[in-house]
């Protein structure tokens, strides 16, 4: 299982981006969390199989209908904790 950390920028707050991201993660059996950042970006930590994470990143680039994603920066990280589900953080 791999872990990636992504920062999504653009119009991604106030457009149901976190709920949409959680739905996409659940559909792909990706675990982890999503949260808003103070600078208007969204941070995502995702764990799963490589193919699922690749598809997840593609979906983050699209975003929900009301969003306008400008950029998604993801990197693979070493992470000790394994999440049992995908959660929305405040």
N, C-alpha and C. Protein backbone atom coordinates (compact mmCIF):
# COMPACT_ATOMS: atom_id res chain seq x y z
N UNK A 1 0.83 -1.18 0.00
CA UNK A 1 0.00 0.00 0.00
C UNK A 1 0.88 1.25 0.00
N UNK A 2 0.52 2.20 -0.85
CA UNK A 2 1.25 3.45 -0.95
C UNK A 2 0.49 4.57 -0.23
N UNK A 3 1.23 5.61 0.15
CA UNK A 3 0.63 6.80 0.72
C UNK A 3 1.11 8.00 -0.08
N UNK A 4 0.15 8.86 -0.48
CA UNK A 4 0.49 10.09 -1.18
C UNK A 4 -0.11 11.27 -0.43
N UNK A 5 0.56 12.40 -0.56
CA UNK A 5 0.06 13.66 -0.02
C UNK A 5 -0.11 14.60 -1.20
N UNK A 6 -1.30 15.22 -1.31
CA UNK A 6 -1.58 16.11 -2.43
C UNK A 6 -2.06 17.46 -1.92
N UNK A 7 -1.66 18.50 -2.63
CA UNK A 7 -2.16 19.85 -2.39
C UNK A 7 -2.88 20.27 -3.66
N UNK A 8 -4.17 20.62 -3.49
CA UNK A 8 -5.01 21.00 -4.63
C UNK A 8 -5.27 22.50 -4.53
N UNK A 9 -5.00 23.21 -5.63
CA UNK A 9 -5.22 24.66 -5.62
C UNK A 9 -6.20 25.06 -6.71
N UNK A 10 -6.79 26.22 -6.52
CA UNK A 10 -7.81 26.74 -7.42
C UNK A 10 -9.03 27.13 -6.60
N UNK A 11 -10.18 27.07 -7.23
CA UNK A 11 -11.43 27.31 -6.49
C UNK A 11 -11.87 25.97 -5.93
N UNK A 12 -11.36 25.66 -4.74
CA UNK A 12 -11.57 24.33 -4.16
C UNK A 12 -12.14 24.37 -2.74
N UNK A 13 -12.48 25.55 -2.26
CA UNK A 13 -13.15 25.66 -0.96
C UNK A 13 -14.51 26.31 -1.18
N UNK A 14 -15.51 25.83 -0.44
CA UNK A 14 -16.86 26.36 -0.59
C UNK A 14 -17.60 25.80 -1.78
N UNK A 15 -17.09 24.70 -2.34
CA UNK A 15 -17.71 24.09 -3.53
C UNK A 15 -17.91 22.59 -3.34
N UNK A 16 -18.00 22.15 -2.09
CA UNK A 16 -18.19 20.73 -1.74
C UNK A 16 -17.02 19.85 -2.17
N UNK A 17 -15.83 20.43 -2.28
CA UNK A 17 -14.67 19.66 -2.73
C UNK A 17 -14.32 18.53 -1.78
N UNK A 18 -14.37 18.79 -0.48
CA UNK A 18 -13.99 17.74 0.49
C UNK A 18 -14.97 16.57 0.44
N UNK A 19 -16.27 16.86 0.39
CA UNK A 19 -17.27 15.78 0.33
C UNK A 19 -17.13 15.00 -0.97
N UNK A 20 -16.90 15.70 -2.07
CA UNK A 20 -16.73 15.05 -3.37
C UNK A 20 -15.48 14.16 -3.35
N UNK A 21 -14.39 14.67 -2.75
CA UNK A 21 -13.15 13.90 -2.65
C UNK A 21 -13.36 12.63 -1.84
N UNK A 22 -14.10 12.74 -0.74
CA UNK A 22 -14.39 11.57 0.09
C UNK A 22 -15.20 10.54 -0.70
N UNK A 23 -16.16 10.98 -1.49
CA UNK A 23 -16.94 10.06 -2.33
C UNK A 23 -16.05 9.35 -3.34
N UNK A 24 -15.15 10.10 -3.98
CA UNK A 24 -14.24 9.49 -4.97
C UNK A 24 -13.34 8.47 -4.30
N UNK A 25 -12.84 8.81 -3.12
CA UNK A 25 -11.95 7.89 -2.39
C UNK A 25 -12.69 6.60 -2.05
N UNK A 26 -13.91 6.73 -1.57
CA UNK A 26 -14.67 5.54 -1.19
C UNK A 26 -14.95 4.67 -2.42
N UNK A 27 -15.24 5.29 -3.54
CA UNK A 27 -15.49 4.53 -4.78
C UNK A 27 -14.26 3.75 -5.24
N UNK A 28 -13.08 4.27 -4.93
CA UNK A 28 -11.83 3.65 -5.36
C UNK A 28 -11.16 2.84 -4.26
N UNK A 29 -11.79 2.71 -3.09
CA UNK A 29 -11.22 2.02 -1.94
C UNK A 29 -9.91 2.67 -1.50
N UNK A 30 -9.88 4.00 -1.51
CA UNK A 30 -8.74 4.77 -1.04
C UNK A 30 -9.06 5.25 0.37
N UNK A 31 -8.10 5.16 1.26
CA UNK A 31 -8.27 5.58 2.66
C UNK A 31 -7.46 6.84 2.92
N UNK A 32 -7.76 7.52 4.02
CA UNK A 32 -6.99 8.71 4.39
C UNK A 32 -7.88 9.84 4.83
N UNK A 33 -7.56 11.07 4.39
CA UNK A 33 -8.35 12.23 4.80
C UNK A 33 -8.16 13.40 3.84
N UNK A 34 -9.07 14.37 3.97
CA UNK A 34 -9.02 15.61 3.20
C UNK A 34 -9.35 16.76 4.15
N UNK A 35 -8.69 17.91 3.97
CA UNK A 35 -8.99 19.07 4.80
C UNK A 35 -8.68 20.36 4.04
N UNK A 36 -9.38 21.43 4.43
CA UNK A 36 -9.10 22.75 3.89
C UNK A 36 -7.87 23.33 4.58
N UNK A 37 -7.09 24.10 3.83
CA UNK A 37 -5.96 24.82 4.39
C UNK A 37 -6.31 26.30 4.48
N UNK A 38 -5.62 27.01 5.34
CA UNK A 38 -5.92 28.43 5.54
C UNK A 38 -5.65 29.28 4.30
N UNK A 39 -4.79 28.81 3.41
CA UNK A 39 -4.45 29.60 2.22
C UNK A 39 -5.41 29.37 1.04
N UNK A 40 -6.53 28.65 1.29
CA UNK A 40 -7.52 28.43 0.24
C UNK A 40 -7.32 27.14 -0.54
N UNK A 41 -6.25 26.42 -0.24
CA UNK A 41 -6.00 25.14 -0.91
C UNK A 41 -6.61 24.01 -0.10
N UNK A 42 -6.58 22.82 -0.67
CA UNK A 42 -7.06 21.61 0.00
C UNK A 42 -5.92 20.61 0.07
N UNK A 43 -5.74 20.00 1.24
CA UNK A 43 -4.72 18.97 1.43
C UNK A 43 -5.39 17.61 1.51
N UNK A 44 -4.78 16.63 0.84
CA UNK A 44 -5.31 15.27 0.83
C UNK A 44 -4.19 14.31 1.18
N UNK A 45 -4.47 13.39 2.08
CA UNK A 45 -3.57 12.28 2.34
C UNK A 45 -4.33 11.02 1.93
N UNK A 46 -3.77 10.26 1.01
CA UNK A 46 -4.48 9.10 0.46
C UNK A 46 -3.60 7.87 0.51
N UNK A 47 -4.22 6.74 0.89
CA UNK A 47 -3.54 5.46 0.94
C UNK A 47 -4.31 4.44 0.14
N UNK A 48 -3.58 3.63 -0.62
CA UNK A 48 -4.25 2.60 -1.39
C UNK A 48 -3.30 1.93 -2.36
N UNK A 49 -3.88 1.11 -3.23
CA UNK A 49 -3.10 0.44 -4.26
C UNK A 49 -2.69 1.46 -5.32
N UNK A 50 -1.58 1.20 -5.99
CA UNK A 50 -1.02 2.15 -6.96
C UNK A 50 -2.02 2.57 -8.04
N UNK A 51 -2.74 1.60 -8.63
CA UNK A 51 -3.70 1.93 -9.68
C UNK A 51 -4.83 2.81 -9.17
N UNK A 52 -5.31 2.53 -7.97
CA UNK A 52 -6.39 3.33 -7.37
C UNK A 52 -5.91 4.75 -7.11
N UNK A 53 -4.67 4.90 -6.64
CA UNK A 53 -4.15 6.23 -6.37
C UNK A 53 -3.93 7.02 -7.66
N UNK A 54 -3.52 6.36 -8.72
CA UNK A 54 -3.37 7.04 -10.01
C UNK A 54 -4.71 7.58 -10.49
N UNK A 55 -5.74 6.76 -10.39
CA UNK A 55 -7.09 7.20 -10.79
C UNK A 55 -7.59 8.31 -9.87
N UNK A 56 -7.32 8.20 -8.60
CA UNK A 56 -7.72 9.21 -7.63
C UNK A 56 -7.10 10.57 -7.98
N UNK A 57 -5.80 10.58 -8.33
CA UNK A 57 -5.13 11.82 -8.72
C UNK A 57 -5.77 12.42 -9.97
N UNK A 58 -6.12 11.58 -10.93
CA UNK A 58 -6.80 12.07 -12.15
C UNK A 58 -8.11 12.74 -11.79
N UNK A 59 -8.85 12.14 -10.87
CA UNK A 59 -10.14 12.71 -10.47
C UNK A 59 -9.96 14.01 -9.71
N UNK A 60 -8.90 14.12 -8.89
CA UNK A 60 -8.65 15.37 -8.18
C UNK A 60 -8.41 16.52 -9.16
N UNK A 61 -7.80 16.23 -10.29
CA UNK A 61 -7.56 17.26 -11.31
C UNK A 61 -8.86 17.80 -11.90
N UNK A 62 -9.89 16.99 -11.89
CA UNK A 62 -11.19 17.40 -12.45
C UNK A 62 -12.01 18.13 -11.39
N UNK A 63 -12.16 17.52 -10.23
CA UNK A 63 -12.92 18.12 -9.14
C UNK A 63 -14.41 18.09 -9.38
N UNK A 64 -15.19 18.53 -8.38
CA UNK A 64 -16.64 18.55 -8.52
C UNK A 64 -17.07 19.69 -9.47
N UNK A 65 -18.32 19.66 -9.92
CA UNK A 65 -18.79 20.62 -10.93
C UNK A 65 -18.58 22.10 -10.58
N UNK A 66 -18.73 22.49 -9.32
CA UNK A 66 -18.62 23.91 -8.96
C UNK A 66 -17.18 24.37 -8.73
N UNK A 67 -16.25 23.44 -8.72
CA UNK A 67 -14.84 23.79 -8.48
C UNK A 67 -14.15 24.19 -9.77
N UNK A 68 -12.96 24.76 -9.60
CA UNK A 68 -12.08 25.04 -10.73
C UNK A 68 -10.65 24.73 -10.26
N UNK A 69 -10.22 23.52 -10.53
CA UNK A 69 -8.90 23.07 -10.09
C UNK A 69 -7.84 23.65 -11.02
N UNK A 70 -6.87 24.31 -10.43
CA UNK A 70 -5.77 24.88 -11.20
C UNK A 70 -4.56 23.95 -11.21
N UNK A 71 -4.30 23.33 -10.04
CA UNK A 71 -3.10 22.50 -9.94
C UNK A 71 -3.28 21.45 -8.85
N UNK A 72 -2.67 20.30 -9.06
CA UNK A 72 -2.62 19.24 -8.04
C UNK A 72 -1.16 18.78 -7.96
N UNK A 73 -0.57 18.97 -6.78
CA UNK A 73 0.81 18.53 -6.54
C UNK A 73 0.77 17.36 -5.57
N UNK A 74 1.21 16.19 -6.04
CA UNK A 74 1.21 15.00 -5.19
C UNK A 74 2.63 14.45 -5.07
N UNK A 75 2.89 13.89 -3.91
CA UNK A 75 4.18 13.21 -3.71
C UNK A 75 3.94 11.99 -2.84
N UNK A 76 4.71 10.96 -3.13
CA UNK A 76 4.63 9.76 -2.30
C UNK A 76 5.42 10.02 -1.02
N UNK A 77 4.84 9.60 0.12
CA UNK A 77 5.49 9.82 1.40
C UNK A 77 5.56 8.52 2.20
N UNK A 78 6.48 8.48 3.13
CA UNK A 78 6.55 7.39 4.09
C UNK A 78 5.60 7.75 5.23
N UNK A 79 4.72 6.84 5.61
CA UNK A 79 3.73 7.15 6.63
C UNK A 79 3.46 5.90 7.44
N UNK A 80 3.57 6.00 8.75
CA UNK A 80 3.42 4.84 9.62
C UNK A 80 1.97 4.44 9.85
N UNK A 81 1.08 5.40 9.95
CA UNK A 81 -0.31 5.11 10.27
C UNK A 81 -1.06 4.61 9.04
N UNK A 82 -1.92 3.62 9.26
CA UNK A 82 -2.80 3.13 8.19
C UNK A 82 -4.23 3.49 8.57
N UNK A 83 -4.90 4.21 7.69
CA UNK A 83 -6.27 4.64 7.98
C UNK A 83 -7.28 3.57 7.58
N UNK A 84 -8.31 3.35 8.41
CA UNK A 84 -9.32 2.33 8.10
C UNK A 84 -10.39 2.82 7.13
N UNK A 85 -10.48 4.15 6.94
CA UNK A 85 -11.49 4.73 6.05
C UNK A 85 -11.00 6.09 5.56
N UNK A 86 -11.84 6.77 4.80
CA UNK A 86 -11.50 8.11 4.33
C UNK A 86 -12.37 9.10 5.08
N UNK A 87 -11.74 10.11 5.67
CA UNK A 87 -12.49 11.06 6.50
C UNK A 87 -12.31 12.50 6.03
N UNK A 88 -13.31 13.30 6.34
CA UNK A 88 -13.25 14.74 6.08
C UNK A 88 -12.85 15.41 7.38
N UNK A 89 -11.77 16.17 7.31
CA UNK A 89 -11.30 16.89 8.49
C UNK A 89 -11.70 18.35 8.39
N UNK A 90 -11.85 18.98 9.51
CA UNK A 90 -12.21 20.41 9.55
C UNK A 90 -10.99 21.28 9.57
